[in-house]
């Protein structure tokens, strides 16, 4: 979750890992599950 400058992970509903920094301008317009690029690589196993 990004909430303003707050960036947090929740694992099984419990906060685990956070950082505060100025929100980056995230401009990409595609979404990928299981790989780092739209042509694969660094792929997930599970």
ModelCIF file with pLDDT and N, C-alpha, C, O atoms, coordinates in Angstrom:
data_MODEL
#
_entry.id   MODEL 
#
_entity.id                         1 
_entity.type                       polymer 
_entity.pdbx_number_of_molecules   1 
#
_entity_poly.entity_id                      1 
_entity_poly.type                           'polypeptide(L)' 
_entity_poly.nstd_linkage                   no 
_entity_poly.nstd_monomer                   no 
_entity_poly.pdbx_seq_one_letter_code       
;(UNK)(UNK)(UNK)(UNK)(UNK)(UNK)(UNK)(UNK)(UNK)(UNK)(UNK)(UNK)(UNK)(UNK)(UNK)(UNK)
(UNK)(UNK)(UNK)(UNK)(UNK)(UNK)(UNK)(UNK)(UNK)(UNK)(UNK)(UNK)(UNK)(UNK)(UNK)(UNK)
(UNK)(UNK)(UNK)(UNK)(UNK)(UNK)(UNK)(UNK)(UNK)(UNK)(UNK)(UNK)(UNK)(UNK)
;
_entity_poly.pdbx_seq_one_letter_code_can   XXXXXXXXXXXXXXXXXXXXXXXXXXXXXXXXXXXXXXXXXXXXXX 
_entity_poly.pdbx_strand_id                 A 
#
loop_
_entity_poly_seq.entity_id 
_entity_poly_seq.num 
_entity_poly_seq.mon_id 
_entity_poly_seq.hetero 
1 1  UNK n 
1 2  UNK n 
1 3  UNK n 
1 4  UNK n 
1 5  UNK n 
1 6  UNK n 
1 7  UNK n 
1 8  UNK n 
1 9  UNK n 
1 10 UNK n 
1 11 UNK n 
1 12 UNK n 
1 13 UNK n 
1 14 UNK n 
1 15 UNK n 
1 16 UNK n 
1 17 UNK n 
1 18 UNK n 
1 19 UNK n 
1 20 UNK n 
1 21 UNK n 
1 22 UNK n 
1 23 UNK n 
1 24 UNK n 
1 25 UNK n 
1 26 UNK n 
1 27 UNK n 
1 28 UNK n 
1 29 UNK n 
1 30 UNK n 
1 31 UNK n 
1 32 UNK n 
1 33 UNK n 
1 34 UNK n 
1 35 UNK n 
1 36 UNK n 
1 37 UNK n 
1 38 UNK n 
1 39 UNK n 
1 40 UNK n 
1 41 UNK n 
1 42 UNK n 
1 43 UNK n 
1 44 UNK n 
1 45 UNK n 
1 46 UNK n 
#
_struct_asym.id          A 
_struct_asym.entity_id   1 
#
loop_
_ma_qa_metric.id 
_ma_qa_metric.mode 
_ma_qa_metric.name 
_ma_qa_metric.software_group_id 
_ma_qa_metric.type 
1 global pLDDT . pLDDT 
2 local  pLDDT . pLDDT 
#
_ma_qa_metric_global.metric_id      1 
_ma_qa_metric_global.metric_value   93.65 
_ma_qa_metric_global.model_id       1 
_ma_qa_metric_global.ordinal_id     1 
#
loop_
_ma_qa_metric_local.label_asym_id 
_ma_qa_metric_local.label_comp_id 
_ma_qa_metric_local.label_seq_id 
_ma_qa_metric_local.metric_id 
_ma_qa_metric_local.metric_value 
_ma_qa_metric_local.model_id 
_ma_qa_metric_local.ordinal_id 
A UNK 1  2 98.00 1 1  
A UNK 2  2 97.00 1 2  
A UNK 3  2 98.00 1 3  
A UNK 4  2 97.00 1 4  
A UNK 5  2 97.00 1 5  
A UNK 6  2 98.00 1 6  
A UNK 7  2 97.00 1 7  
A UNK 8  2 98.00 1 8  
A UNK 9  2 98.00 1 9  
A UNK 10 2 98.00 1 10 
A UNK 11 2 98.00 1 11 
A UNK 12 2 97.00 1 12 
A UNK 13 2 97.00 1 13 
A UNK 14 2 98.00 1 14 
A UNK 15 2 98.00 1 15 
A UNK 16 2 98.00 1 16 
A UNK 17 2 96.00 1 17 
A UNK 18 2 97.00 1 18 
A UNK 19 2 96.00 1 19 
A UNK 20 2 96.00 1 20 
A UNK 21 2 94.00 1 21 
A UNK 22 2 94.00 1 22 
A UNK 23 2 95.00 1 23 
A UNK 24 2 94.00 1 24 
A UNK 25 2 96.00 1 25 
A UNK 26 2 95.00 1 26 
A UNK 27 2 94.00 1 27 
A UNK 28 2 92.00 1 28 
A UNK 29 2 91.00 1 29 
A UNK 30 2 91.00 1 30 
A UNK 31 2 93.00 1 31 
A UNK 32 2 94.00 1 32 
A UNK 33 2 94.00 1 33 
A UNK 34 2 94.00 1 34 
A UNK 35 2 92.00 1 35 
A UNK 36 2 89.00 1 36 
A UNK 37 2 83.00 1 37 
A UNK 38 2 77.00 1 38 
A UNK 39 2 77.00 1 39 
A UNK 40 2 81.00 1 40 
A UNK 41 2 85.00 1 41 
A UNK 42 2 88.00 1 42 
A UNK 43 2 92.00 1 43 
A UNK 44 2 95.00 1 44 
A UNK 45 2 95.00 1 45 
A UNK 46 2 96.00 1 46 
#
loop_
_atom_site.group_PDB 
_atom_site.id 
_atom_site.type_symbol 
_atom_site.label_atom_id 
_atom_site.label_alt_id 
_atom_site.label_comp_id 
_atom_site.label_asym_id 
_atom_site.label_entity_id 
_atom_site.label_seq_id 
_atom_site.pdbx_PDB_ins_code 
_atom_site.Cartn_x 
_atom_site.Cartn_y 
_atom_site.Cartn_z 
_atom_site.occupancy 
_atom_site.B_iso_or_equiv 
_atom_site.pdbx_formal_charge 
_atom_site.auth_seq_id 
_atom_site.auth_comp_id 
_atom_site.auth_asym_id 
_atom_site.auth_atom_id 
_atom_site.pdbx_PDB_model_num 
ATOM 1   N N  . UNK A 1 1  ? 0.839  -1.196  0.000   1.00 98.00 ? 1  UNK A N  1 
ATOM 2   C CA . UNK A 1 1  ? 0.000  0.000   0.000   1.00 98.00 ? 1  UNK A CA 1 
ATOM 3   C C  . UNK A 1 1  ? 0.879  1.254   0.000   1.00 98.00 ? 1  UNK A C  1 
ATOM 4   O O  . UNK A 1 1  ? 1.791  1.388   0.817   1.00 98.00 ? 1  UNK A O  1 
ATOM 5   N N  . UNK A 1 2  ? 0.590  2.162   -0.926  1.00 97.00 ? 2  UNK A N  1 
ATOM 6   C CA . UNK A 1 2  ? 1.166  3.503   -0.861  1.00 97.00 ? 2  UNK A CA 1 
ATOM 7   C C  . UNK A 1 2  ? 0.079  4.469   -0.422  1.00 97.00 ? 2  UNK A C  1 
ATOM 8   O O  . UNK A 1 2  ? -0.987 4.546   -1.033  1.00 97.00 ? 2  UNK A O  1 
ATOM 9   N N  . UNK A 1 3  ? 0.362  5.202   0.642   1.00 98.00 ? 3  UNK A N  1 
ATOM 10  C CA . UNK A 1 3  ? -0.577 6.167   1.208   1.00 98.00 ? 3  UNK A CA 1 
ATOM 11  C C  . UNK A 1 3  ? 0.188  7.473   1.425   1.00 98.00 ? 3  UNK A C  1 
ATOM 12  O O  . UNK A 1 3  ? 0.794  7.683   2.475   1.00 98.00 ? 3  UNK A O  1 
ATOM 13  N N  . UNK A 1 4  ? 0.149  8.345   0.415   1.00 97.00 ? 4  UNK A N  1 
ATOM 14  C CA . UNK A 1 4  ? 0.959  9.560   0.481   1.00 97.00 ? 4  UNK A CA 1 
ATOM 15  C C  . UNK A 1 4  ? 2.432  9.204   0.392   1.00 97.00 ? 4  UNK A C  1 
ATOM 16  O O  . UNK A 1 4  ? 2.872  8.616   -0.595  1.00 97.00 ? 4  UNK A O  1 
ATOM 17  N N  . UNK A 1 5  ? 3.191  9.554   1.412   1.00 97.00 ? 5  UNK A N  1 
ATOM 18  C CA . UNK A 1 5  ? 4.615  9.216   1.451   1.00 97.00 ? 5  UNK A CA 1 
ATOM 19  C C  . UNK A 1 5  ? 4.873  7.909   2.204   1.00 97.00 ? 5  UNK A C  1 
ATOM 20  O O  . UNK A 1 5  ? 6.017  7.469   2.317   1.00 97.00 ? 5  UNK A O  1 
ATOM 21  N N  . UNK A 1 6  ? 3.822  7.299   2.711   1.00 98.00 ? 6  UNK A N  1 
ATOM 22  C CA . UNK A 1 6  ? 3.940  6.041   3.455   1.00 98.00 ? 6  UNK A CA 1 
ATOM 23  C C  . UNK A 1 6  ? 3.830  4.855   2.505   1.00 98.00 ? 6  UNK A C  1 
ATOM 24  O O  . UNK A 1 6  ? 2.917  4.796   1.682   1.00 98.00 ? 6  UNK A O  1 
ATOM 25  N N  . UNK A 1 7  ? 4.763  3.910   2.619   1.00 97.00 ? 7  UNK A N  1 
ATOM 26  C CA . UNK A 1 7  ? 4.800  2.714   1.773   1.00 97.00 ? 7  UNK A CA 1 
ATOM 27  C C  . UNK A 1 7  ? 4.923  1.500   2.689   1.00 97.00 ? 7  UNK A C  1 
ATOM 28  O O  . UNK A 1 7  ? 5.890  1.394   3.444   1.00 97.00 ? 7  UNK A O  1 
ATOM 29  N N  . UNK A 1 8  ? 3.951  0.577   2.632   1.00 98.00 ? 8  UNK A N  1 
ATOM 30  C CA . UNK A 1 8  ? 3.918  -0.517  3.604   1.00 98.00 ? 8  UNK A CA 1 
ATOM 31  C C  . UNK A 1 8  ? 3.539  -1.844  2.957   1.00 98.00 ? 8  UNK A C  1 
ATOM 32  O O  . UNK A 1 8  ? 2.726  -1.907  2.035   1.00 98.00 ? 8  UNK A O  1 
ATOM 33  N N  . UNK A 1 9  ? 4.166  -2.911  3.480   1.00 98.00 ? 9  UNK A N  1 
ATOM 34  C CA . UNK A 1 9  ? 3.715  -4.272  3.221   1.00 98.00 ? 9  UNK A CA 1 
ATOM 35  C C  . UNK A 1 9  ? 2.821  -4.734  4.366   1.00 98.00 ? 9  UNK A C  1 
ATOM 36  O O  . UNK A 1 9  ? 3.072  -4.434  5.533   1.00 98.00 ? 9  UNK A O  1 
ATOM 37  N N  . UNK A 1 10 ? 1.776  -5.468  4.006   1.00 98.00 ? 10 UNK A N  1 
ATOM 38  C CA . UNK A 1 10 ? 0.982  -6.221  4.974   1.00 98.00 ? 10 UNK A CA 1 
ATOM 39  C C  . UNK A 1 10 ? 0.994  -7.672  4.516   1.00 98.00 ? 10 UNK A C  1 
ATOM 40  O O  . UNK A 1 10 ? 0.580  -7.982  3.399   1.00 98.00 ? 10 UNK A O  1 
ATOM 41  N N  . UNK A 1 11 ? 1.469  -8.555  5.380   1.00 98.00 ? 11 UNK A N  1 
ATOM 42  C CA . UNK A 1 11 ? 1.480  -9.981  5.072   1.00 98.00 ? 11 UNK A CA 1 
ATOM 43  C C  . UNK A 1 11 ? 0.502  -10.672 6.013   1.00 98.00 ? 11 UNK A C  1 
ATOM 44  O O  . UNK A 1 11 ? 0.637  -10.596 7.234   1.00 98.00 ? 11 UNK A O  1 
ATOM 45  N N  . UNK A 1 12 ? -0.479 -11.343 5.432   1.00 97.00 ? 12 UNK A N  1 
ATOM 46  C CA . UNK A 1 12 ? -1.554 -11.954 6.213   1.00 97.00 ? 12 UNK A CA 1 
ATOM 47  C C  . UNK A 1 12 ? -2.207 -10.943 7.142   1.00 97.00 ? 12 UNK A C  1 
ATOM 48  O O  . UNK A 1 12 ? -2.594 -11.270 8.264   1.00 97.00 ? 12 UNK A O  1 
ATOM 49  N N  . UNK A 1 13 ? -2.324 -9.709  6.657   1.00 97.00 ? 13 UNK A N  1 
ATOM 50  C CA . UNK A 1 13 ? -3.035 -8.676  7.398   1.00 97.00 ? 13 UNK A CA 1 
ATOM 51  C C  . UNK A 1 13 ? -2.220 -7.936  8.431   1.00 97.00 ? 13 UNK A C  1 
ATOM 52  O O  . UNK A 1 13 ? -2.747 -7.055  9.109   1.00 97.00 ? 13 UNK A O  1 
ATOM 53  N N  . UNK A 1 14 ? -0.942 -8.271  8.571   1.00 98.00 ? 14 UNK A N  1 
ATOM 54  C CA . UNK A 1 14 ? -0.097 -7.659  9.597   1.00 98.00 ? 14 UNK A CA 1 
ATOM 55  C C  . UNK A 1 14 ? 1.002  -6.848  8.920   1.00 98.00 ? 14 UNK A C  1 
ATOM 56  O O  . UNK A 1 14 ? 1.691  -7.350  8.032   1.00 98.00 ? 14 UNK A O  1 
ATOM 57  N N  . UNK A 1 15 ? 1.166  -5.587  9.342   1.00 98.00 ? 15 UNK A N  1 
ATOM 58  C CA . UNK A 1 15 ? 2.218  -4.754  8.760   1.00 98.00 ? 15 UNK A CA 1 
ATOM 59  C C  . UNK A 1 15 ? 3.583  -5.398  8.978   1.00 98.00 ? 15 UNK A C  1 
ATOM 60  O O  . UNK A 1 15 ? 3.924  -5.790  10.094  1.00 98.00 ? 15 UNK A O  1 
ATOM 61  N N  . UNK A 1 16 ? 4.355  -5.503  7.905   1.00 98.00 ? 16 UNK A N  1 
ATOM 62  C CA . UNK A 1 16 ? 5.696  -6.076  7.985   1.00 98.00 ? 16 UNK A CA 1 
ATOM 63  C C  . UNK A 1 16 ? 6.562  -5.401  6.926   1.00 98.00 ? 16 UNK A C  1 
ATOM 64  O O  . UNK A 1 16 ? 6.667  -5.877  5.796   1.00 98.00 ? 16 UNK A O  1 
ATOM 65  N N  . UNK A 1 17 ? 7.172  -4.301  7.304   1.00 96.00 ? 17 UNK A N  1 
ATOM 66  C CA . UNK A 1 17 ? 8.029  -3.561  6.391   1.00 96.00 ? 17 UNK A CA 1 
ATOM 67  C C  . UNK A 1 17 ? 7.392  -2.261  5.955   1.00 96.00 ? 17 UNK A C  1 
ATOM 68  O O  . UNK A 1 17 ? 6.283  -2.257  5.423   1.00 96.00 ? 17 UNK A O  1 
ATOM 69  N N  . UNK A 1 18 ? 8.097  -1.137  6.181   1.00 97.00 ? 18 UNK A N  1 
ATOM 70  C CA . UNK A 1 18 ? 7.563  0.150   5.770   1.00 97.00 ? 18 UNK A CA 1 
ATOM 71  C C  . UNK A 1 18 ? 8.706  1.123   5.520   1.00 97.00 ? 18 UNK A C  1 
ATOM 72  O O  . UNK A 1 18 ? 9.821  0.934   6.006   1.00 97.00 ? 18 UNK A O  1 
ATOM 73  N N  . UNK A 1 19 ? 8.411  2.160   4.759   1.00 96.00 ? 19 UNK A N  1 
ATOM 74  C CA . UNK A 1 19 ? 9.361  3.234   4.503   1.00 96.00 ? 19 UNK A CA 1 
ATOM 75  C C  . UNK A 1 19 ? 8.584  4.482   4.142   1.00 96.00 ? 19 UNK A C  1 
ATOM 76  O O  . UNK A 1 19 ? 7.471  4.416   3.620   1.00 96.00 ? 19 UNK A O  1 
ATOM 77  N N  . UNK A 1 20 ? 9.192  5.621   4.430   1.00 96.00 ? 20 UNK A N  1 
ATOM 78  C CA . UNK A 1 20 ? 8.582  6.902   4.101   1.00 96.00 ? 20 UNK A CA 1 
ATOM 79  C C  . UNK A 1 20 ? 9.477  7.631   3.111   1.00 96.00 ? 20 UNK A C  1 
ATOM 80  O O  . UNK A 1 20 ? 10.645 7.892   3.396   1.00 96.00 ? 20 UNK A O  1 
ATOM 81  N N  . UNK A 1 21 ? 8.929  7.957   1.955   1.00 94.00 ? 21 UNK A N  1 
ATOM 82  C CA . UNK A 1 21 ? 9.670  8.721   0.962   1.00 94.00 ? 21 UNK A CA 1 
ATOM 83  C C  . UNK A 1 21 ? 8.677  9.355   -0.014  1.00 94.00 ? 21 UNK A C  1 
ATOM 84  O O  . UNK A 1 21 ? 7.528  8.924   -0.109  1.00 94.00 ? 21 UNK A O  1 
ATOM 85  N N  . UNK A 1 22 ? 9.122  10.362  -0.724  1.00 94.00 ? 22 UNK A N  1 
ATOM 86  C CA . UNK A 1 22 ? 8.266  11.053  -1.680  1.00 94.00 ? 22 UNK A CA 1 
ATOM 87  C C  . UNK A 1 22 ? 7.780  10.088  -2.755  1.00 94.00 ? 22 UNK A C  1 
ATOM 88  O O  . UNK A 1 22 ? 8.572  9.337   -3.326  1.00 94.00 ? 22 UNK A O  1 
ATOM 89  N N  . UNK A 1 23 ? 6.497  10.108  -3.026  1.00 95.00 ? 23 UNK A N  1 
ATOM 90  C CA . UNK A 1 23 ? 5.912  9.171   -3.984  1.00 95.00 ? 23 UNK A CA 1 
ATOM 91  C C  . UNK A 1 23 ? 6.504  9.348   -5.374  1.00 95.00 ? 23 UNK A C  1 
ATOM 92  O O  . UNK A 1 23 ? 6.518  10.452  -5.917  1.00 95.00 ? 23 UNK A O  1 
ATOM 93  N N  . UNK A 1 24 ? 6.992  8.257   -5.943  1.00 94.00 ? 24 UNK A N  1 
ATOM 94  C CA . UNK A 1 24 ? 7.489  8.277   -7.316  1.00 94.00 ? 24 UNK A CA 1 
ATOM 95  C C  . UNK A 1 24 ? 6.332  8.412   -8.298  1.00 94.00 ? 24 UNK A C  1 
ATOM 96  O O  . UNK A 1 24 ? 5.206  8.009   -8.007  1.00 94.00 ? 24 UNK A O  1 
ATOM 97  N N  . UNK A 1 25 ? 6.621  8.979   -9.452  1.00 96.00 ? 25 UNK A N  1 
ATOM 98  C CA . UNK A 1 25 ? 5.638  9.063   -10.523 1.00 96.00 ? 25 UNK A CA 1 
ATOM 99  C C  . UNK A 1 25 ? 5.683  7.757   -11.316 1.00 96.00 ? 25 UNK A C  1 
ATOM 100 O O  . UNK A 1 25 ? 6.562  7.564   -12.156 1.00 96.00 ? 25 UNK A O  1 
ATOM 101 N N  . UNK A 1 26 ? 4.737  6.868   -11.047 1.00 95.00 ? 26 UNK A N  1 
ATOM 102 C CA . UNK A 1 26 ? 4.706  5.536   -11.666 1.00 95.00 ? 26 UNK A CA 1 
ATOM 103 C C  . UNK A 1 26 ? 3.904  5.614   -12.959 1.00 95.00 ? 26 UNK A C  1 
ATOM 104 O O  . UNK A 1 26 ? 2.687  5.797   -12.935 1.00 95.00 ? 26 UNK A O  1 
ATOM 105 N N  . UNK A 1 27 ? 4.593  5.475   -14.079 1.00 94.00 ? 27 UNK A N  1 
ATOM 106 C CA . UNK A 1 27 ? 4.008  5.798   -15.390 1.00 94.00 ? 27 UNK A CA 1 
ATOM 107 C C  . UNK A 1 27 ? 3.732  4.592   -16.275 1.00 94.00 ? 27 UNK A C  1 
ATOM 108 O O  . UNK A 1 27 ? 3.132  4.751   -17.338 1.00 94.00 ? 27 UNK A O  1 
ATOM 109 N N  . UNK A 1 28 ? 4.142  3.400   -15.882 1.00 92.00 ? 28 UNK A N  1 
ATOM 110 C CA . UNK A 1 28 ? 3.939  2.231   -16.746 1.00 92.00 ? 28 UNK A CA 1 
ATOM 111 C C  . UNK A 1 28 ? 2.463  1.883   -16.827 1.00 92.00 ? 28 UNK A C  1 
ATOM 112 O O  . UNK A 1 28 ? 1.709  2.128   -15.886 1.00 92.00 ? 28 UNK A O  1 
ATOM 113 N N  . UNK A 1 29 ? 2.047  1.306   -17.960 1.00 91.00 ? 29 UNK A N  1 
ATOM 114 C CA . UNK A 1 29 ? 0.624  1.070   -18.185 1.00 91.00 ? 29 UNK A CA 1 
ATOM 115 C C  . UNK A 1 29 ? 0.305  -0.391  -18.496 1.00 91.00 ? 29 UNK A C  1 
ATOM 116 O O  . UNK A 1 29 ? -0.726 -0.692  -19.099 1.00 91.00 ? 29 UNK A O  1 
ATOM 117 N N  . UNK A 1 30 ? 1.188  -1.292  -18.083 1.00 91.00 ? 30 UNK A N  1 
ATOM 118 C CA . UNK A 1 30 ? 0.907  -2.728  -18.193 1.00 91.00 ? 30 UNK A CA 1 
ATOM 119 C C  . UNK A 1 30 ? 1.178  -3.369  -16.839 1.00 91.00 ? 30 UNK A C  1 
ATOM 120 O O  . UNK A 1 30 ? 1.869  -2.800  -15.994 1.00 91.00 ? 30 UNK A O  1 
ATOM 121 N N  . UNK A 1 31 ? 0.622  -4.564  -16.646 1.00 93.00 ? 31 UNK A N  1 
ATOM 122 C CA . UNK A 1 31 ? 0.798  -5.276  -15.385 1.00 93.00 ? 31 UNK A CA 1 
ATOM 123 C C  . UNK A 1 31 ? 1.133  -6.728  -15.692 1.00 93.00 ? 31 UNK A C  1 
ATOM 124 O O  . UNK A 1 31 ? 0.544  -7.341  -16.582 1.00 93.00 ? 31 UNK A O  1 
ATOM 125 N N  . UNK A 1 32 ? 2.095  -7.271  -14.936 1.00 94.00 ? 32 UNK A N  1 
ATOM 126 C CA . UNK A 1 32 ? 2.596  -8.626  -15.184 1.00 94.00 ? 32 UNK A CA 1 
ATOM 127 C C  . UNK A 1 32 ? 2.544  -9.416  -13.875 1.00 94.00 ? 32 UNK A C  1 
ATOM 128 O O  . UNK A 1 32 ? 2.919  -8.910  -12.817 1.00 94.00 ? 32 UNK A O  1 
ATOM 129 N N  . UNK A 1 33 ? 2.079  -10.650 -13.963 1.00 94.00 ? 33 UNK A N  1 
ATOM 130 C CA . UNK A 1 33 ? 2.143  -11.587 -12.842 1.00 94.00 ? 33 UNK A CA 1 
ATOM 131 C C  . UNK A 1 33 ? 3.225  -12.615 -13.131 1.00 94.00 ? 33 UNK A C  1 
ATOM 132 O O  . UNK A 1 33 ? 3.234  -13.228 -14.199 1.00 94.00 ? 33 UNK A O  1 
ATOM 133 N N  . UNK A 1 34 ? 4.133  -12.805 -12.186 1.00 94.00 ? 34 UNK A N  1 
ATOM 134 C CA . UNK A 1 34 ? 5.069  -13.921 -12.271 1.00 94.00 ? 34 UNK A CA 1 
ATOM 135 C C  . UNK A 1 34 ? 6.339  -13.687 -13.041 1.00 94.00 ? 34 UNK A C  1 
ATOM 136 O O  . UNK A 1 34 ? 7.117  -14.624 -13.215 1.00 94.00 ? 34 UNK A O  1 
ATOM 137 N N  . UNK A 1 35 ? 6.597  -12.454 -13.524 1.00 92.00 ? 35 UNK A N  1 
ATOM 138 C CA . UNK A 1 35 ? 7.832  -12.185 -14.269 1.00 92.00 ? 35 UNK A CA 1 
ATOM 139 C C  . UNK A 1 35 ? 8.156  -10.706 -14.186 1.00 92.00 ? 35 UNK A C  1 
ATOM 140 O O  . UNK A 1 35 ? 7.280  -9.873  -13.956 1.00 92.00 ? 35 UNK A O  1 
ATOM 141 N N  . UNK A 1 36 ? 9.436  -10.395 -14.380 1.00 89.00 ? 36 UNK A N  1 
ATOM 142 C CA . UNK A 1 36 ? 9.869  -9.012  -14.236 1.00 89.00 ? 36 UNK A CA 1 
ATOM 143 C C  . UNK A 1 36 ? 9.540  -8.167  -15.464 1.00 89.00 ? 36 UNK A C  1 
ATOM 144 O O  . UNK A 1 36 ? 9.297  -6.967  -15.342 1.00 89.00 ? 36 UNK A O  1 
ATOM 145 N N  . UNK A 1 37 ? 9.531  -8.788  -16.654 1.00 83.00 ? 37 UNK A N  1 
ATOM 146 C CA . UNK A 1 37 ? 9.256  -8.075  -17.894 1.00 83.00 ? 37 UNK A CA 1 
ATOM 147 C C  . UNK A 1 37 ? 8.082  -8.729  -18.620 1.00 83.00 ? 37 UNK A C  1 
ATOM 148 O O  . UNK A 1 37 ? 7.643  -9.824  -18.269 1.00 83.00 ? 37 UNK A O  1 
ATOM 149 N N  . UNK A 1 38 ? 7.582  -8.025  -19.646 1.00 77.00 ? 38 UNK A N  1 
ATOM 150 C CA . UNK A 1 38 ? 6.526  -8.617  -20.466 1.00 77.00 ? 38 UNK A CA 1 
ATOM 151 C C  . UNK A 1 38 ? 7.069  -9.678  -21.409 1.00 77.00 ? 38 UNK A C  1 
ATOM 152 O O  . UNK A 1 38 ? 6.298  -10.301 -22.139 1.00 77.00 ? 38 UNK A O  1 
ATOM 153 N N  . UNK A 1 39 ? 8.379  -9.898  -21.413 1.00 77.00 ? 39 UNK A N  1 
ATOM 154 C CA . UNK A 1 39 ? 8.931  -11.013 -22.197 1.00 77.00 ? 39 UNK A CA 1 
ATOM 155 C C  . UNK A 1 39 ? 9.494  -12.095 -21.277 1.00 77.00 ? 39 UNK A C  1 
ATOM 156 O O  . UNK A 1 39 ? 10.314 -12.911 -21.700 1.00 77.00 ? 39 UNK A O  1 
ATOM 157 N N  . UNK A 1 40 ? 9.054  -12.100 -20.029 1.00 81.00 ? 40 UNK A N  1 
ATOM 158 C CA . UNK A 1 40 ? 9.490  -13.119 -19.081 1.00 81.00 ? 40 UNK A CA 1 
ATOM 159 C C  . UNK A 1 40 ? 10.741 -12.713 -18.324 1.00 81.00 ? 40 UNK A C  1 
ATOM 160 O O  . UNK A 1 40 ? 11.032 -11.524 -18.193 1.00 81.00 ? 40 UNK A O  1 
ATOM 161 N N  . UNK A 1 41 ? 11.491 -13.709 -17.820 1.00 85.00 ? 41 UNK A N  1 
ATOM 162 C CA . UNK A 1 41 ? 12.704 -13.632 -16.995 1.00 85.00 ? 41 UNK A CA 1 
ATOM 163 C C  . UNK A 1 41 ? 12.377 -13.316 -15.534 1.00 85.00 ? 41 UNK A C  1 
ATOM 164 O O  . UNK A 1 41 ? 11.370 -12.687 -15.209 1.00 85.00 ? 41 UNK A O  1 
ATOM 165 N N  . UNK A 1 42 ? 13.275 -13.783 -14.680 1.00 88.00 ? 42 UNK A N  1 
ATOM 166 C CA . UNK A 1 42 ? 13.129 -13.666 -13.224 1.00 88.00 ? 42 UNK A CA 1 
ATOM 167 C C  . UNK A 1 42 ? 11.734 -14.121 -12.797 1.00 88.00 ? 42 UNK A C  1 
ATOM 168 O O  . UNK A 1 42 ? 11.012 -13.407 -12.100 1.00 88.00 ? 42 UNK A O  1 
ATOM 169 N N  . UNK A 1 43 ? 11.382 -15.316 -13.230 1.00 92.00 ? 43 UNK A N  1 
ATOM 170 C CA . UNK A 1 43 ? 10.011 -15.790 -13.105 1.00 92.00 ? 43 UNK A CA 1 
ATOM 171 C C  . UNK A 1 43 ? 9.749  -16.475 -11.764 1.00 92.00 ? 43 UNK A C  1 
ATOM 172 O O  . UNK A 1 43 ? 10.643 -17.041 -11.135 1.00 92.00 ? 43 UNK A O  1 
ATOM 173 N N  . UNK A 1 44 ? 8.505  -16.398 -11.364 1.00 95.00 ? 44 UNK A N  1 
ATOM 174 C CA . UNK A 1 44 ? 8.033  -16.933 -10.091 1.00 95.00 ? 44 UNK A CA 1 
ATOM 175 C C  . UNK A 1 44 ? 7.762  -18.428 -10.222 1.00 95.00 ? 44 UNK A C  1 
ATOM 176 O O  . UNK A 1 44 ? 7.342  -18.901 -11.277 1.00 95.00 ? 44 UNK A O  1 
ATOM 177 N N  . UNK A 1 45 ? 8.007  -19.168 -9.140  1.00 95.00 ? 45 UNK A N  1 
ATOM 178 C CA . UNK A 1 45 ? 7.724  -20.608 -9.085  1.00 95.00 ? 45 UNK A CA 1 
ATOM 179 C C  . UNK A 1 45 ? 6.750  -20.849 -7.948  1.00 95.00 ? 45 UNK A C  1 
ATOM 180 O O  . UNK A 1 45 ? 7.115  -20.760 -6.775  1.00 95.00 ? 45 UNK A O  1 
ATOM 181 N N  . UNK A 1 46 ? 5.504  -21.157 -8.300  1.00 96.00 ? 46 UNK A N  1 
ATOM 182 C CA . UNK A 1 46 ? 4.483  -21.386 -7.283  1.00 96.00 ? 46 UNK A CA 1 
ATOM 183 C C  . UNK A 1 46 ? 3.111  -21.053 -7.838  1.00 96.00 ? 46 UNK A C  1 
ATOM 184 O O  . UNK A 1 46 ? 2.111  -21.181 -7.131  1.00 96.00 ? 46 UNK A O  1 
#
